[in-house]
Amino acid sequence: MDKPVFKNYREEQNYCGEHFLVKDVDGLVTIYTMTNDEQIKERIEITDIETAYLPQTDQEDLKEGIRVYTQQKLNKLIEDFE
């Protein structure tokens, strides 16, 4: 049986492309991709969102890092910070 073909589908061992870590780095919201076993893979964006202007609870969460598991949820989280 043939494998289905998905447009823009990328398969790598331990990486589906839908795991993200959002973190405060030097006062800016920064986004990383993660492997399925929650290891940081690469930094993909340093936003211009300054964490100092976010609510205290968001600042604390960002210091620890917020794990997000779909692109849609990542987009929603970033929109909430803007």
Protein backbone atom coordinates (compact mmCIF):
# COMPACT_ATOMS: atom_id res chain seq x y z
CA MET A 1 0.00 0.00 0.00
CA ASP A 2 1.35 3.43 -0.96
CA LYS A 3 1.87 6.13 1.65
CA PRO A 4 -0.50 9.09 1.32
CA VAL A 5 1.03 12.27 -0.06
CA PHE A 6 0.65 15.40 2.06
CA LYS A 7 1.55 18.81 0.73
CA ASN A 8 4.13 20.57 2.93
CA TYR A 9 4.54 17.45 5.10
CA ARG A 10 7.96 16.95 6.60
CA GLU A 11 8.98 13.90 8.58
CA GLU A 12 12.09 13.71 10.71
CA GLN A 13 12.86 11.32 13.50
CA ASN A 14 11.33 12.66 16.76
CA TYR A 15 10.02 15.82 15.09
CA CYS A 16 6.57 16.60 13.74
CA GLY A 17 6.98 20.37 13.43
CA GLU A 18 4.08 21.14 15.76
CA HIS A 19 5.90 21.39 19.12
CA PHE A 20 6.98 24.85 20.26
CA LEU A 21 8.51 26.49 23.31
CA VAL A 22 7.74 30.17 23.91
CA LYS A 23 10.16 31.79 26.33
CA ASP A 24 11.46 35.12 27.64
CA VAL A 25 14.96 35.69 26.31
CA ASP A 26 16.56 39.04 27.12
CA GLY A 27 13.14 40.60 27.68
CA LEU A 28 11.59 39.49 24.38
CA VAL A 29 9.15 36.69 23.61
CA THR A 30 11.18 34.08 21.71
CA ILE A 31 9.90 30.99 19.91
CA TYR A 32 11.70 27.66 19.54
CA THR A 33 10.73 24.44 17.81
CA MET A 34 10.98 21.30 19.89
CA THR A 35 11.31 17.60 19.19
CA ASN A 36 8.48 15.30 20.20
CA ASP A 37 10.42 14.42 23.35
CA GLU A 38 10.50 18.15 24.26
CA GLN A 39 14.12 18.93 23.46
CA ILE A 40 14.76 22.35 21.91
CA LYS A 41 15.47 21.95 18.20
CA GLU A 42 16.02 25.50 16.98
CA ARG A 43 15.08 29.11 17.57
CA ILE A 44 12.65 30.21 14.89
CA GLU A 45 11.73 33.74 15.94
CA ILE A 46 12.58 36.54 18.31
CA THR A 47 9.44 38.66 18.42
CA ASP A 48 9.34 42.38 19.18
CA ILE A 49 7.01 41.69 22.13
CA GLU A 50 8.62 42.98 25.32
CA THR A 51 7.84 40.77 28.28
CA ALA A 52 8.06 43.68 30.74
CA TYR A 53 4.67 44.92 29.50
CA LEU A 54 2.90 41.58 29.97
CA PRO A 55 0.96 40.61 33.11
CA GLN A 56 3.08 39.20 35.94
CA THR A 57 1.67 35.67 35.54
CA ASP A 58 2.61 35.65 31.83
CA GLN A 59 6.10 36.91 32.68
CA GLU A 60 6.56 34.08 35.19
CA ASP A 61 5.26 31.48 32.71
CA LEU A 62 7.61 32.78 30.00
CA LYS A 63 10.63 32.54 32.32
CA GLU A 64 9.89 28.82 32.70
CA GLY A 65 8.84 28.46 29.06
CA ILE A 66 5.37 27.76 27.67
CA ARG A 67 4.98 24.58 25.65
CA VAL A 68 2.54 24.81 22.74
CA TYR A 69 1.59 21.85 20.55
CA THR A 70 0.07 23.22 17.34
CA GLN A 71 0.77 26.14 15.02
CA GLN A 72 -2.78 27.39 15.61
CA LYS A 73 -2.29 27.47 19.40
CA LEU A 74 1.08 29.16 18.94
CA ASN A 75 -0.49 31.87 16.78
CA LYS A 76 -3.26 32.39 19.36
CA LEU A 77 -0.75 32.69 22.22
CA ILE A 78 1.34 35.26 20.35
CA GLU A 79 -1.79 37.24 19.44
CA ASP A 80 -2.77 37.28 23.11
CA PHE A 81 0.63 38.79 23.99
CA GLU A 82 0.40 41.54 21.34
